[in-house]
Amino acid sequence: MQNRRLFLKNGLAVIAMASVAKASLTTAATTQTKWGMIIDINRCTGCQSCVIACKAQNRTVQDKFNTKVQALEDGNYPDTRIIFTPIQCNHCENPPCVPACPLNATYKMPNGIVVTDWEKCKSYGTCVKACPYDARFLDKRHENKVDKCDFCLDRLEQGLLPACVEACSSKARLFGDMNAPKDEFAEYLKRRDLKTRKPKLKLATSVRYVASGKGKKGGSL
């Protein structure tokens, strides 16, 4: 668990180089890899497979999760339904959590992923309060250091998808390089109906949503 965070200090340069190398192999342009996720709420069945896979992968503290599935009722009786919305760290373009940390323990990598360096983190919790998506928490097993989703950075280094994406049987989660998108992820990235969570915040994020096609709540974003 702890090694997954602490490797950032010594392995950041290696990962960045690997990301660039992979990008150069997949596209003629020498662009920096920028990881992103698209979640199609219309496909989400609320099965919780992503939550279970994430929990197994990251072994977060009891009752704390790097990803959750929000369930909200939409419509008016008798025409009602439940809309499921997977939620997690959104890896903002300009993350409010970064300037909130006086020790620079949380920062944004060149590949777009916002991470926490546990060697620098002193458990102040200022970044937890600054996150508008309630995506950060203190891990009491590790001196209350801050944990959150990092797109399964260790899996990406191995050429694997984030655990939540791999586990999603309904294909509600799509993941890829936004600078060199491929396959269905590339097609989704072209869509004009992509939205962010809490759009009133006007934060550009690396996690985007296709909201529910029905219902007044627009997919509970």
Protein backbone atom coordinates (compact mmCIF):
# COMPACT_ATOMS: atom_id res chain seq x y z
CA MET A 1 0.00 0.00 0.00
CA GLN A 2 2.58 2.53 1.11
CA ASN A 3 5.01 1.62 -1.65
CA ARG A 4 2.38 2.51 -4.24
CA ARG A 5 2.59 6.14 -3.13
CA LEU A 6 6.23 6.35 -2.14
CA PHE A 7 7.49 5.15 -5.50
CA LEU A 8 6.51 8.55 -6.89
CA LYS A 9 9.62 10.24 -5.60
CA ASN A 10 12.08 7.79 -7.16
CA GLY A 11 10.00 6.55 -10.04
CA LEU A 12 8.40 9.71 -11.39
CA ALA A 13 11.11 10.36 -13.97
CA VAL A 14 11.00 6.76 -15.15
CA ILE A 15 7.22 6.79 -15.51
CA ALA A 16 7.26 10.10 -17.36
CA MET A 17 9.86 8.75 -19.76
CA ALA A 18 7.85 5.58 -20.24
CA SER A 19 4.72 7.58 -20.97
CA VAL A 20 6.53 9.62 -23.61
CA ALA A 21 8.00 6.47 -25.14
CA LYS A 22 4.59 4.83 -25.40
CA ALA A 23 3.13 7.95 -26.95
CA SER A 24 5.88 8.08 -29.58
CA LEU A 25 5.22 4.47 -30.52
CA THR A 26 1.50 4.96 -30.98
CA THR A 27 1.46 8.23 -32.87
CA ALA A 28 3.68 10.05 -35.31
CA ALA A 29 3.47 13.21 -33.23
CA THR A 30 5.81 13.47 -30.27
CA THR A 31 3.09 14.55 -27.86
CA GLN A 32 3.09 13.99 -24.11
CA THR A 33 0.66 11.35 -22.95
CA LYS A 34 -2.35 12.82 -21.13
CA TRP A 35 -4.53 10.23 -19.48
CA GLY A 36 -8.28 10.73 -19.31
CA MET A 37 -11.48 8.86 -18.53
CA ILE A 38 -14.98 9.10 -19.95
CA ILE A 39 -17.93 7.67 -18.03
CA ASP A 40 -21.17 7.00 -19.91
CA ILE A 41 -23.92 7.14 -17.30
CA ASN A 42 -26.36 5.60 -19.78
CA ARG A 43 -24.32 2.40 -19.65
CA CYS A 44 -23.79 2.22 -15.88
CA THR A 45 -25.95 -0.43 -14.20
CA GLY A 46 -24.81 0.28 -10.66
CA CYS A 47 -23.29 -3.19 -10.32
CA GLN A 48 -20.43 -1.89 -8.11
CA SER A 49 -17.82 -3.96 -9.98
CA CYS A 50 -15.64 -0.88 -10.37
CA VAL A 51 -15.83 -0.16 -6.63
CA ILE A 52 -14.91 -3.74 -5.72
CA ALA A 53 -12.03 -3.86 -8.21
CA CYS A 54 -10.69 -0.52 -7.00
CA LYS A 55 -10.90 -1.63 -3.38
CA ALA A 56 -9.04 -4.86 -4.15
CA GLN A 57 -6.39 -3.05 -6.17
CA ASN A 58 -5.68 -0.17 -3.81
CA ARG A 59 -6.57 -1.72 -0.44
CA THR A 60 -7.89 1.53 0.94
CA VAL A 61 -8.75 1.93 4.60
CA GLN A 62 -12.06 0.48 5.79
CA ASP A 63 -15.12 2.50 4.74
CA LYS A 64 -13.02 4.69 2.42
CA PHE A 65 -13.03 4.32 -1.36
CA ASN A 66 -11.12 5.82 -4.27
CA THR A 67 -14.21 5.41 -6.43
CA LYS A 68 -17.88 5.14 -5.53
CA VAL A 69 -21.18 4.79 -7.38
CA GLN A 70 -23.74 7.42 -6.53
CA ALA A 71 -27.41 6.39 -6.85
CA LEU A 72 -30.13 9.02 -7.12
CA GLU A 73 -33.83 8.70 -7.84
CA ASP A 74 -35.01 10.67 -10.86
CA GLY A 75 -38.50 11.54 -12.04
CA ASN A 76 -41.87 11.69 -10.32
CA TYR A 77 -44.03 8.81 -9.13
CA PRO A 78 -45.01 6.55 -10.80
CA ASP A 79 -42.51 7.40 -13.55
CA THR A 80 -39.30 7.13 -11.55
CA ARG A 81 -35.96 5.42 -11.95
CA ILE A 82 -32.52 5.21 -10.36
CA ILE A 83 -29.59 6.87 -12.09
CA PHE A 84 -26.12 5.57 -11.23
CA THR A 85 -23.08 7.83 -11.44
CA PRO A 86 -19.53 6.57 -10.75
CA ILE A 87 -17.56 9.29 -8.94
CA GLN A 88 -13.87 9.71 -8.02
CA CYS A 89 -10.98 12.17 -8.27
CA ASN A 90 -11.50 14.12 -11.47
CA HIS A 91 -7.83 15.04 -12.04
CA CYS A 92 -8.56 18.71 -12.64
CA GLU A 93 -6.59 20.80 -15.09
CA ASN A 94 -5.99 23.30 -12.30
CA PRO A 95 -6.56 21.23 -9.15
CA PRO A 96 -7.69 23.25 -6.10
CA CYS A 97 -5.97 20.66 -3.91
CA VAL A 98 -2.50 21.48 -5.22
CA PRO A 99 -2.13 25.08 -3.96
CA ALA A 100 -3.93 24.04 -0.76
CA CYS A 101 -0.95 21.90 0.27
CA PRO A 102 1.79 24.01 1.90
CA LEU A 103 4.34 21.20 1.46
CA ASN A 104 3.80 20.53 -2.26
CA ALA A 105 2.96 16.95 -1.35
CA THR A 106 0.16 16.87 -3.90
CA TYR A 107 0.89 17.87 -7.47
CA LYS A 108 -0.06 17.28 -11.08
CA MET A 109 2.16 15.07 -13.24
CA PRO A 110 2.88 15.92 -16.90
CA ASN A 111 0.56 13.07 -17.92
CA GLY A 112 -2.40 14.81 -16.24
CA ILE A 113 -2.65 12.64 -13.12
CA VAL A 114 -2.87 14.37 -9.75
CA VAL A 115 -0.85 12.44 -7.16
CA THR A 116 0.17 12.55 -3.50
CA ASP A 117 3.75 12.00 -2.36
CA TRP A 118 3.54 10.28 1.00
CA GLU A 119 7.14 11.15 1.83
CA LYS A 120 6.17 14.83 1.83
CA CYS A 121 2.64 14.52 3.20
CA LYS A 122 2.36 15.54 6.86
CA SER A 123 -1.37 14.85 7.21
CA TYR A 124 -2.48 18.48 7.40
CA GLY A 125 -5.64 17.63 5.47
CA THR A 126 -5.85 21.02 3.75
CA CYS A 127 -6.05 19.34 0.34
CA VAL A 128 -8.93 17.16 1.56
CA LYS A 129 -10.95 20.25 2.43
CA ALA A 130 -9.99 21.96 -0.84
CA CYS A 131 -11.25 19.14 -3.08
CA PRO A 132 -14.70 20.11 -4.39
CA TYR A 133 -15.49 16.48 -5.28
CA ASP A 134 -14.91 14.97 -1.83
CA ALA A 135 -12.44 12.58 -3.47
CA ARG A 136 -9.65 12.67 -0.86
CA PHE A 137 -9.41 11.11 2.57
CA LEU A 138 -6.96 10.55 5.42
CA ASP A 139 -5.69 7.00 5.89
CA LYS A 140 -5.56 6.35 9.63
CA ARG A 141 -3.40 3.25 9.07
CA HIS A 142 -0.60 5.37 7.64
CA GLU A 143 -0.35 8.40 9.94
CA ASN A 144 -3.40 10.01 8.29
CA LYS A 145 -1.60 10.57 5.01
CA VAL A 146 -3.90 11.57 2.17
CA ASP A 147 -5.13 9.00 -0.33
CA LYS A 148 -7.18 9.27 -3.52
CA CYS A 149 -7.58 7.83 -7.02
CA ASP A 150 -4.45 8.05 -9.18
CA PHE A 151 -5.87 6.21 -12.21
CA CYS A 152 -4.01 3.12 -10.93
CA LEU A 153 -0.70 4.70 -11.87
CA ASP A 154 1.21 1.52 -11.08
CA ARG A 155 -1.00 -0.43 -13.52
CA LEU A 156 -0.52 2.19 -16.23
CA GLU A 157 3.23 1.78 -15.88
CA GLN A 158 2.72 -1.90 -16.74
CA GLY A 159 0.59 -1.09 -19.78
CA LEU A 160 -2.65 -2.06 -18.01
CA LEU A 161 -5.94 -0.23 -17.66
CA PRO A 162 -7.11 1.18 -14.32
CA ALA A 163 -8.77 -1.58 -12.28
CA CYS A 164 -12.19 0.10 -12.41
CA VAL A 165 -12.12 0.30 -16.21
CA GLU A 166 -11.03 -3.31 -16.62
CA ALA A 167 -13.79 -4.51 -14.28
CA CYS A 168 -16.66 -2.58 -15.90
CA SER A 169 -18.64 -5.22 -17.82
CA SER A 170 -21.09 -2.66 -19.24
CA LYS A 171 -18.21 -0.61 -20.71
CA ALA A 172 -19.47 2.49 -18.95
CA ARG A 173 -15.88 3.56 -18.30
CA LEU A 174 -13.54 4.36 -21.18
CA PHE A 175 -9.91 5.28 -20.70
CA GLY A 176 -7.07 6.45 -22.90
CA ASP A 177 -4.56 9.05 -23.98
CA MET A 178 -6.44 12.25 -24.76
CA ASN A 179 -3.55 13.46 -26.91
CA ALA A 180 -3.54 10.27 -29.00
CA PRO A 181 -6.98 8.68 -28.50
CA LYS A 182 -7.86 5.32 -30.04
CA ASP A 183 -10.89 3.18 -30.77
CA GLU A 184 -14.12 3.89 -28.87
CA PHE A 185 -12.38 6.29 -26.50
CA ALA A 186 -11.47 8.43 -29.51
CA GLU A 187 -15.06 8.40 -30.76
CA TYR A 188 -16.40 9.41 -27.36
CA LEU A 189 -13.84 12.19 -27.06
CA LYS A 190 -15.37 13.81 -30.16
CA ARG A 191 -18.81 14.04 -28.59
CA ARG A 192 -20.19 17.48 -27.87
CA ASP A 193 -22.31 16.32 -24.96
CA LEU A 194 -19.39 15.49 -22.64
CA LYS A 195 -19.81 17.10 -19.24
CA THR A 196 -17.91 17.51 -15.99
CA ARG A 197 -19.21 16.84 -12.49
CA LYS A 198 -20.52 19.92 -10.72
CA PRO A 199 -20.34 22.01 -13.91
CA LYS A 200 -21.11 25.19 -11.96
CA LEU A 201 -17.55 25.01 -10.61
CA LYS A 202 -16.28 25.53 -14.18
CA LEU A 203 -13.30 23.23 -13.60
CA ALA A 204 -11.78 21.50 -16.60
CA THR A 205 -11.13 17.87 -15.67
CA SER A 206 -9.63 14.69 -17.11
CA VAL A 207 -12.73 12.73 -16.10
CA ARG A 208 -15.73 13.55 -18.24
CA TYR A 209 -19.26 12.21 -18.41
CA VAL A 210 -21.97 11.43 -20.89
CA ALA A 211 -25.02 12.39 -18.83
CA SER A 212 -28.21 10.37 -18.77
CA GLY A 213 -30.33 10.91 -21.86
CA LYS A 214 -33.44 11.06 -19.72
CA GLY A 215 -34.39 12.70 -16.50
CA LYS A 216 -34.32 16.19 -15.08
CA LYS A 217 -31.18 15.63 -13.06
CA GLY A 218 -29.04 15.10 -16.15
CA GLY A 219 -27.41 11.96 -14.85
CA SER A 220 -27.03 13.23 -11.27
CA LEU A 221 -23.90 15.24 -12.12
